[in-house]
PDB file of N, CA and C in Angstrom:
ATOM      1  N   MET A   1     -10.541  12.856  10.703  1.00  0.00           N
ATOM      2  CA  MET A   1      -9.822  12.074   9.717  1.00  0.00           C
ATOM      3  C   MET A   1      -9.731  10.629  10.202  1.00  0.00           C
ATOM      4  N   LYS A   2      -9.847   9.708   9.277  1.00  0.00           N
ATOM      5  CA  LYS A   2      -9.795   8.283   9.589  1.00  0.00           C
ATOM      6  C   LYS A   2      -8.363   7.771   9.456  1.00  0.00           C
ATOM      7  N   SER A   3      -8.104   6.682  10.146  1.00  0.00           N
ATOM      8  CA  SER A   3      -6.817   5.995  10.017  1.00  0.00           C
ATOM      9  C   SER A   3      -7.072   4.642   9.373  1.00  0.00           C
ATOM     10  N   PHE A   4      -6.155   4.247   8.506  1.00  0.00           N
ATOM     11  CA  PHE A   4      -6.280   2.972   7.811  1.00  0.00           C
ATOM     12  C   PHE A   4      -5.024   2.151   8.057  1.00  0.00           C
ATOM     13  N   LEU A   5      -5.225   0.923   8.482  1.00  0.00           N
ATOM     14  CA  LEU A   5      -4.129  -0.021   8.654  1.00  0.00           C
ATOM     15  C   LEU A   5      -4.046  -0.848   7.380  1.00  0.00           C
ATOM     16  N   LEU A   6      -2.900  -0.793   6.720  1.00  0.00           N
ATOM     17  CA  LEU A   6      -2.676  -1.564   5.501  1.00  0.00           C
ATOM     18  C   LEU A   6      -1.611  -2.613   5.780  1.00  0.00           C
ATOM     19  N   VAL A   7      -1.911  -3.841   5.420  1.00  0.00           N
ATOM     20  CA  VAL A   7      -0.951  -4.932   5.515  1.00  0.00           C
ATOM     21  C   VAL A   7      -0.775  -5.440   4.091  1.00  0.00           C
ATOM     22  N   TYR A   8       0.410  -5.204   3.535  1.00  0.00           N
ATOM     23  CA  TYR A   8       0.678  -5.460   2.118  1.00  0.00           C
ATOM     24  C   TYR A   8       1.797  -6.475   1.963  1.00  0.00           C
ATOM     25  N   ASP A   9       1.507  -7.574   1.291  1.00  0.00           N
ATOM     26  CA  ASP A   9       2.509  -8.599   1.001  1.00  0.00           C
ATOM     27  C   ASP A   9       3.158  -8.251  -0.336  1.00  0.00           C
ATOM     28  N   ARG A  10       4.413  -7.874  -0.311  1.00  0.00           N
ATOM     29  CA  ARG A  10       5.112  -7.435  -1.528  1.00  0.00           C
ATOM     30  C   ARG A  10       5.252  -8.540  -2.565  1.00  0.00           C
ATOM     31  N   LEU A  11       5.350  -9.784  -2.124  1.00  0.00           N
ATOM     32  CA  LEU A  11       5.546 -10.885  -3.070  1.00  0.00           C
ATOM     33  C   LEU A  11       4.261 -11.264  -3.795  1.00  0.00           C
ATOM     34  N   SER A  12       3.167 -11.352  -3.063  1.00  0.00           N
ATOM     35  CA  SER A  12       1.906 -11.792  -3.674  1.00  0.00           C
ATOM     36  C   SER A  12       1.022 -10.636  -4.119  1.00  0.00           C
ATOM     37  N   GLY A  13       1.255  -9.448  -3.547  1.00  0.00           N
ATOM     38  CA  GLY A  13       0.394  -8.310  -3.848  1.00  0.00           C
ATOM     39  C   GLY A  13      -0.872  -8.293  -3.013  1.00  0.00           C
ATOM     40  N   ASP A  14      -1.003  -9.248  -2.080  1.00  0.00           N
ATOM     41  CA  ASP A  14      -2.188  -9.291  -1.218  1.00  0.00           C
ATOM     42  C   ASP A  14      -2.211  -8.084  -0.293  1.00  0.00           C
ATOM     43  N   LEU A  15      -3.391  -7.518  -0.124  1.00  0.00           N
ATOM     44  CA  LEU A  15      -3.560  -6.330   0.714  1.00  0.00           C
ATOM     45  C   LEU A  15      -4.792  -6.497   1.582  1.00  0.00           C
ATOM     46  N   THR A  16      -4.630  -6.187   2.868  1.00  0.00           N
ATOM     47  CA  THR A  16      -5.800  -6.077   3.739  1.00  0.00           C
ATOM     48  C   THR A  16      -5.841  -4.646   4.256  1.00  0.00           C
ATOM     49  N   VAL A  17      -7.041  -4.105   4.317  1.00  0.00           N
ATOM     50  CA  VAL A  17      -7.245  -2.728   4.767  1.00  0.00           C
ATOM     51  C   VAL A  17      -8.248  -2.757   5.907  1.00  0.00           C
ATOM     52  N   GLN A  18      -7.895  -2.104   6.990  1.00  0.00           N
ATOM     53  CA  GLN A  18      -8.793  -1.995   8.136  1.00  0.00           C
ATOM     54  C   GLN A  18      -8.923  -0.521   8.492  1.00  0.00           C
ATOM     55  N   GLU A  19     -10.158  -0.058   8.630  1.00  0.00           N
ATOM     56  CA  GLU A  19     -10.414   1.357   8.926  1.00  0.00           C
ATOM     57  C   GLU A  19     -10.598   1.564  10.428  1.00  0.00           C
ATOM     58  N   PHE A  20     -10.013   2.653  10.927  1.00  0.00           N
ATOM     59  CA  PHE A  20     -10.136   3.029  12.338  1.00  0.00           C
ATOM     60  C   PHE A  20     -10.550   4.493  12.430  1.00  0.00           C
ATOM     61  N   ARG A  21     -11.390   4.809  13.360  1.00  0.00           N
ATOM     62  CA  ARG A  21     -11.729   6.211  13.624  1.00  0.00           C
ATOM     63  C   ARG A  21     -10.813   6.788  14.703  1.00  0.00           C
ATOM     64  N   ASP A  22     -10.121   5.896  15.395  1.00  0.00           N
ATOM     65  CA  ASP A  22      -9.263   6.269  16.514  1.00  0.00           C
ATOM     66  C   ASP A  22      -7.805   5.959  16.144  1.00  0.00           C
ATOM     67  N   ALA A  23      -6.982   6.997  15.967  1.00  0.00           N
ATOM     68  CA  ALA A  23      -5.586   6.810  15.550  1.00  0.00           C
ATOM     69  C   ALA A  23      -4.782   5.945  16.528  1.00  0.00           C
ATOM     70  N   PRO A  24      -4.905   6.150  17.846  1.00  0.00           N
ATOM     71  CA  PRO A  24      -4.142   5.288  18.756  1.00  0.00           C
ATOM     72  C   PRO A  24      -4.490   3.799  18.607  1.00  0.00           C
ATOM     73  N   ALA A  25      -5.746   3.495  18.335  1.00  0.00           N
ATOM     74  CA  ALA A  25      -6.142   2.092  18.127  1.00  0.00           C
ATOM     75  C   ALA A  25      -5.505   1.544  16.852  1.00  0.00           C
ATOM     76  N   ALA A  26      -5.436   2.365  15.819  1.00  0.00           N
ATOM     77  CA  ALA A  26      -4.806   1.950  14.562  1.00  0.00           C
ATOM     78  C   ALA A  26      -3.318   1.682  14.778  1.00  0.00           C
ATOM     79  N   LEU A  27      -2.663   2.535  15.544  1.00  0.00           N
ATOM     80  CA  LEU A  27      -1.228   2.350  15.814  1.00  0.00           C
ATOM     81  C   LEU A  27      -0.975   1.101  16.650  1.00  0.00           C
ATOM     82  N   ALA A  28      -1.853   0.832  17.616  1.00  0.00           N
ATOM     83  CA  ALA A  28      -1.723  -0.384  18.425  1.00  0.00           C
ATOM     84  C   ALA A  28      -1.908  -1.624  17.553  1.00  0.00           C
ATOM     85  N   ALA A  29      -2.866  -1.569  16.642  1.00  0.00           N
ATOM     86  CA  ALA A  29      -3.093  -2.691  15.721  1.00  0.00           C
ATOM     87  C   ALA A  29      -1.884  -2.879  14.808  1.00  0.00           C
ATOM     88  N   ARG A  30      -1.265  -1.773  14.379  1.00  0.00           N
ATOM     89  CA  ARG A  30      -0.067  -1.864  13.531  1.00  0.00           C
ATOM     90  C   ARG A  30       1.047  -2.610  14.247  1.00  0.00           C
ATOM     91  N   ILE A  31       1.281  -2.266  15.495  1.00  0.00           N
ATOM     92  CA  ILE A  31       2.347  -2.920  16.266  1.00  0.00           C
ATOM     93  C   ILE A  31       2.073  -4.413  16.379  1.00  0.00           C
ATOM     94  N   SER A  32       0.827  -4.761  16.642  1.00  0.00           N
ATOM     95  CA  SER A  32       0.448  -6.167  16.742  1.00  0.00           C
ATOM     96  C   SER A  32       0.681  -6.897  15.419  1.00  0.00           C
ATOM     97  N   LYS A  33       0.271  -6.287  14.313  1.00  0.00           N
ATOM     98  CA  LYS A  33       0.448  -6.899  12.991  1.00  0.00           C
ATOM     99  C   LYS A  33       1.925  -7.006  12.619  1.00  0.00           C
ATOM    100  N   GLU A  34       2.735  -6.017  13.005  1.00  0.00           N
ATOM    101  CA  GLU A  34       4.170  -6.067  12.704  1.00  0.00           C
ATOM    102  C   GLU A  34       4.831  -7.256  13.388  1.00  0.00           C
ATOM    103  N   CYS A  35       4.365  -7.586  14.580  1.00  0.00           N
ATOM    104  CA  CYS A  35       4.929  -8.735  15.298  1.00  0.00           C
ATOM    105  C   CYS A  35       4.618 -10.044  14.579  1.00  0.00           C
ATOM    106  N   GLU A  36       3.488 -10.088  13.860  1.00  0.00           N
ATOM    107  CA  GLU A  36       3.072 -11.293  13.138  1.00  0.00           C
ATOM    108  C   GLU A  36       3.614 -11.336  11.707  1.00  0.00           C
ATOM    109  N   ALA A  37       4.038 -10.206  11.185  1.00  0.00           N
ATOM    110  CA  ALA A  37       4.337 -10.070   9.752  1.00  0.00           C
ATOM    111  C   ALA A  37       5.569 -10.855   9.325  1.00  0.00           C
ATOM    112  N   ARG A  38       5.510 -11.334   8.090  1.00  0.00           N
ATOM    113  CA  ARG A  38       6.657 -11.992   7.460  1.00  0.00           C
ATOM    114  C   ARG A  38       7.588 -10.916   6.900  1.00  0.00           C
ATOM    115  N   PRO A  39       8.814 -11.285   6.528  1.00  0.00           N
ATOM    116  CA  PRO A  39       9.794 -10.289   6.070  1.00  0.00           C
ATOM    117  C   PRO A  39       9.367  -9.436   4.873  1.00  0.00           C
ATOM    118  N   ASN A  40       8.604  -9.978   3.948  1.00  0.00           N
ATOM    119  CA  ASN A  40       8.222  -9.220   2.753  1.00  0.00           C
ATOM    120  C   ASN A  40       6.864  -8.545   2.897  1.00  0.00           C
ATOM    121  N   THR A  41       6.509  -8.207   4.123  1.00  0.00           N
ATOM    122  CA  THR A  41       5.214  -7.590   4.389  1.00  0.00           C
ATOM    123  C   THR A  41       5.409  -6.175   4.906  1.00  0.00           C
ATOM    124  N   GLU A  42       4.669  -5.255   4.327  1.00  0.00           N
ATOM    125  CA  GLU A  42       4.650  -3.874   4.822  1.00  0.00           C
ATOM    126  C   GLU A  42       3.409  -3.701   5.684  1.00  0.00           C
ATOM    127  N   VAL A  43       3.588  -3.105   6.847  1.00  0.00           N
ATOM    128  CA  VAL A  43       2.467  -2.798   7.732  1.00  0.00           C
ATOM    129  C   VAL A  43       2.533  -1.300   7.992  1.00  0.00           C
ATOM    130  N   VAL A  44       1.514  -0.582   7.534  1.00  0.00           N
ATOM    131  CA  VAL A  44       1.521   0.874   7.664  1.00  0.00           C
ATOM    132  C   VAL A  44       0.166   1.380   8.133  1.00  0.00           C
ATOM    133  N   VAL A  45       0.196   2.517   8.800  1.00  0.00           N
ATOM    134  CA  VAL A  45      -1.031   3.240   9.139  1.00  0.00           C
ATOM    135  C   VAL A  45      -0.977   4.560   8.388  1.00  0.00           C
ATOM    136  N   LEU A  46      -2.029   4.836   7.636  1.00  0.00           N
ATOM    137  CA  LEU A  46      -2.137   6.070   6.864  1.00  0.00           C
ATOM    138  C   LEU A  46      -3.425   6.775   7.245  1.00  0.00           C
ATOM    139  N   SER A  47      -3.385   8.096   7.263  1.00  0.00           N
ATOM    140  CA  SER A  47      -4.578   8.888   7.572  1.00  0.00           C
ATOM    141  C   SER A  47      -5.133   9.492   6.296  1.00  0.00           C
ATOM    142  N   SER A  48      -6.456   9.471   6.198  1.00  0.00           N
ATOM    143  CA  SER A  48      -7.111  10.010   5.015  1.00  0.00           C
ATOM    144  C   SER A  48      -8.581  10.263   5.333  1.00  0.00           C
ATOM    145  N   ASP A  49      -9.200  11.124   4.529  1.00  0.00           N
ATOM    146  CA  ASP A  49     -10.631  11.374   4.702  1.00  0.00           C
ATOM    147  C   ASP A  49     -11.454  10.148   4.344  1.00  0.00           C
ATOM    148  N   SER A  50     -10.967   9.361   3.374  1.00  0.00           N
ATOM    149  CA  SER A  50     -11.719   8.196   2.912  1.00  0.00           C
ATOM    150  C   SER A  50     -10.770   7.183   2.279  1.00  0.00           C
ATOM    151  N   GLU A  51     -11.255   5.964   2.151  1.00  0.00           N
ATOM    152  CA  GLU A  51     -10.452   4.944   1.471  1.00  0.00           C
ATOM    153  C   GLU A  51     -10.278   5.306   0.003  1.00  0.00           C
ATOM    154  N   SER A  52     -11.277   5.972  -0.550  1.00  0.00           N
ATOM    155  CA  SER A  52     -11.202   6.403  -1.950  1.00  0.00           C
ATOM    156  C   SER A  52     -10.017   7.343  -2.170  1.00  0.00           C
ATOM    157  N   SER A  53      -9.841   8.335  -1.292  1.00  0.00           N
ATOM    158  CA  SER A  53      -8.687   9.234  -1.465  1.00  0.00           C
ATOM    159  C   SER A  53      -7.380   8.520  -1.169  1.00  0.00           C
ATOM    160  N   LEU A  54      -7.412   7.573  -0.264  1.00  0.00           N
ATOM    161  CA  LEU A  54      -6.219   6.778   0.023  1.00  0.00           C
ATOM    162  C   LEU A  54      -5.802   5.979  -1.216  1.00  0.00           C
ATOM    163  N   ARG A  55      -6.767   5.469  -1.946  1.00  0.00           N
ATOM    164  CA  ARG A  55      -6.482   4.723  -3.177  1.00  0.00           C
ATOM    165  C   ARG A  55      -5.824   5.616  -4.225  1.00  0.00           C
ATOM    166  N   GLN A  56      -6.112   6.901  -4.192  1.00  0.00           N
ATOM    167  CA  GLN A  56      -5.486   7.833  -5.134  1.00  0.00           C
ATOM    168  C   GLN A  56      -4.084   8.228  -4.682  1.00  0.00           C
ATOM    169  N   THR A  57      -3.937   8.550  -3.400  1.00  0.00           N
ATOM    170  CA  THR A  57      -2.646   9.041  -2.913  1.00  0.00           C
ATOM    171  C   THR A  57      -1.608   7.936  -2.715  1.00  0.00           C
ATOM    172  N   HIS A  58      -2.055   6.713  -2.465  1.00  0.00           N
ATOM    173  CA  HIS A  58      -1.143   5.589  -2.226  1.00  0.00           C
ATOM    174  C   HIS A  58      -1.538   4.411  -3.117  1.00  0.00           C
ATOM    175  N   SER A  59      -1.694   4.689  -4.388  1.00  0.00           N
ATOM    176  CA  SER A  59      -2.246   3.709  -5.327  1.00  0.00           C
ATOM    177  C   SER A  59      -1.412   2.438  -5.454  1.00  0.00           C
ATOM    178  N   ARG A  60      -0.123   2.505  -5.198  1.00  0.00           N
ATOM    179  CA  ARG A  60       0.717   1.316  -5.385  1.00  0.00           C
ATOM    180  C   ARG A  60       0.269   0.142  -4.520  1.00  0.00           C
ATOM    181  N   TYR A  61      -0.322   0.434  -3.368  1.00  0.00           N
ATOM    182  CA  TYR A  61      -0.808  -0.643  -2.507  1.00  0.00           C
ATOM    183  C   TYR A  61      -2.028  -1.341  -3.105  1.00  0.00           C
ATOM    184  N   PHE A  62      -2.731  -0.668  -3.987  1.00  0.00           N
ATOM    185  CA  PHE A  62      -4.003  -1.175  -4.487  1.00  0.00           C
ATOM    186  C   PHE A  62      -3.903  -1.797  -5.880  1.00  0.00           C
ATOM    187  N   HIS A  63      -2.699  -1.841  -6.451  1.00  0.00           N
ATOM    188  CA  HIS A  63      -2.490  -2.477  -7.751  1.00  0.00           C
ATOM    189  C   HIS A  63      -1.989  -3.901  -7.553  1.00  0.00           C
ATOM    190  N   SER A  64      -2.332  -4.772  -8.488  1.00  0.00           N
ATOM    191  CA  SER A  64      -1.817  -6.139  -8.443  1.00  0.00           C
ATOM    192  C   SER A  64      -0.337  -6.126  -8.837  1.00  0.00           C
ATOM    193  N   VAL A  65       0.348  -7.205  -8.522  1.00  0.00           N
ATOM    194  CA  VAL A  65       1.764  -7.318  -8.870  1.00  0.00           C
ATOM    195  C   VAL A  65       1.942  -7.201 -10.380  1.00  0.00           C
ATOM    196  N   SER A  66       1.056  -7.831 -11.151  1.00  0.00           N
ATOM    197  CA  SER A  66       1.186  -7.759 -12.617  1.00  0.00           C
ATOM    198  C   SER A  66       0.981  -6.332 -13.125  1.00  0.00           C
ATOM    199  N   GLU A  67       0.069  -5.575 -12.502  1.00  0.00           N
ATOM    200  CA  GLU A  67      -0.129  -4.171 -12.900  1.00  0.00           C
ATOM    201  C   GLU A  67       1.115  -3.335 -12.595  1.00  0.00           C
ATOM    202  N   ILE A  68       1.720  -3.572 -11.447  1.00  0.00           N
ATOM    203  CA  ILE A  68       2.928  -2.832 -11.071  1.00  0.00           C
ATOM    204  C   ILE A  68       4.055  -3.142 -12.058  1.00  0.00           C
ATOM    205  N   LEU A  69       4.216  -4.422 -12.399  1.00  0.00           N
ATOM    206  CA  LEU A  69       5.260  -4.803 -13.353  1.00  0.00           C
ATOM    207  C   LEU A  69       4.993  -4.210 -14.726  1.00  0.00           C
ATOM    208  N   GLN A  70       3.743  -4.225 -15.145  1.00  0.00           N
ATOM    209  CA  GLN A  70       3.403  -3.646 -16.449  1.00  0.00           C
ATOM    210  C   GLN A  70       3.680  -2.148 -16.458  1.00  0.00           C
ATOM    211  N   ASN A  71       3.265  -1.453 -15.395  1.00  0.00           N
ATOM    212  CA  ASN A  71       3.506  -0.009 -15.313  1.00  0.00           C
ATOM    213  C   ASN A  71       4.999   0.305 -15.288  1.00  0.00           C
ATOM    214  N   SER A  72       5.780  -0.528 -14.598  1.00  0.00           N
ATOM    215  CA  SER A  72       7.232  -0.325 -14.553  1.00  0.00           C
ATOM    216  C   SER A  72       7.839  -0.520 -15.931  1.00  0.00           C
ATOM    217  N   GLY A  73       7.385  -1.555 -16.626  1.00  0.00           N
ATOM    218  CA  GLY A  73       7.877  -1.805 -17.982  1.00  0.00           C
ATOM    219  C   GLY A  73       7.515  -0.678 -18.925  1.00  0.00           C
ATOM    220  N   ASP A  74       6.272  -0.171 -18.805  1.00  0.00           N
ATOM    221  CA  ASP A  74       5.839   0.957 -19.636  1.00  0.00           C
ATOM    222  C   ASP A  74       6.705   2.183 -19.367  1.00  0.00           C
ATOM    223  N   ALA A  75       6.988   2.447 -18.094  1.00  0.00           N
ATOM    224  CA  ALA A  75       7.801   3.610 -17.728  1.00  0.00           C
ATOM    225  C   ALA A  75       9.225   3.458 -18.258  1.00  0.00           C
ATOM    226  N   LEU A  76       9.768   2.253 -18.156  1.00  0.00           N
ATOM    227  CA  LEU A  76      11.120   2.005 -18.674  1.00  0.00           C
ATOM    228  C   LEU A  76      11.175   2.207 -20.181  1.00  0.00           C
ATOM    229  N   ARG A  77      10.205   1.638 -20.887  1.00  0.00           N
ATOM    230  CA  ARG A  77      10.178   1.797 -22.343  1.00  0.00           C
ATOM    231  C   ARG A  77      10.027   3.263 -22.725  1.00  0.00           C
ATOM    232  N   SER A  78       9.196   3.975 -22.003  1.00  0.00           N
ATOM    233  CA  SER A  78       8.985   5.399 -22.270  1.00  0.00           C
ATOM    234  C   SER A  78      10.278   6.181 -22.043  1.00  0.00           C
ATOM    235  N   GLY A  79      10.983   5.873 -20.963  1.00  0.00           N
ATOM    236  CA  GLY A  79      12.243   6.545 -20.658  1.00  0.00           C
ATOM    237  C   GLY A  79      13.311   6.248 -21.689  1.00  0.00           C
ATOM    238  N   LEU A  80      13.353   5.012 -22.151  1.00  0.00           N
ATOM    239  CA  LEU A  80      14.343   4.642 -23.171  1.00  0.00           C
ATOM    240  C   LEU A  80      14.039   5.327 -24.495  1.00  0.00           C
ATOM    241  N   THR A  81      12.767   5.438 -24.826  1.00  0.00           N
ATOM    242  CA  THR A  81      12.374   6.085 -26.074  1.00  0.00           C
ATOM    243  C   THR A  81      12.701   7.567 -26.046  1.00  0.00           C
ATOM    244  N   SER A  82      12.428   8.230 -24.925  1.00  0.00           N
ATOM    245  CA  SER A  82      12.680   9.671 -24.846  1.00  0.00           C
ATOM    246  C   SER A  82      14.169   9.992 -24.736  1.00  0.00           C
ATOM    247  N   ALA A  83      14.982   9.025 -24.319  1.00  0.00           N
ATOM    248  CA  ALA A  83      16.423   9.253 -24.184  1.00  0.00           C
ATOM    249  C   ALA A  83      17.148   9.181 -25.532  1.00  0.00           C
ATOM    250  N   ARG A  84      16.467   8.670 -26.525  1.00  0.00           N
ATOM    251  CA  ARG A  84      17.121   8.510 -27.848  1.00  0.00           C
ATOM    252  C   ARG A  84      17.207   9.783 -28.593  1.00  0.00           C
TER     253      ARG A  84
END
């Protein structure tokens, strides 16, 4: 299984993905990136067979800020409609 280091800026939606075959190396890179990260940045290591499956299981990291806002608005409208 591969390890992926994701550095996600919550404000801009910018994402960098780095693939590692060695989990300890990915964790060491995470610690280094966390030391550099700004407050609104998520730094995570996730394991997956492929980046493609990672995009399915953790899709929120791969959507733009506008897509996330649109999806949230759609969900809110749907919830309000069904509550009536």
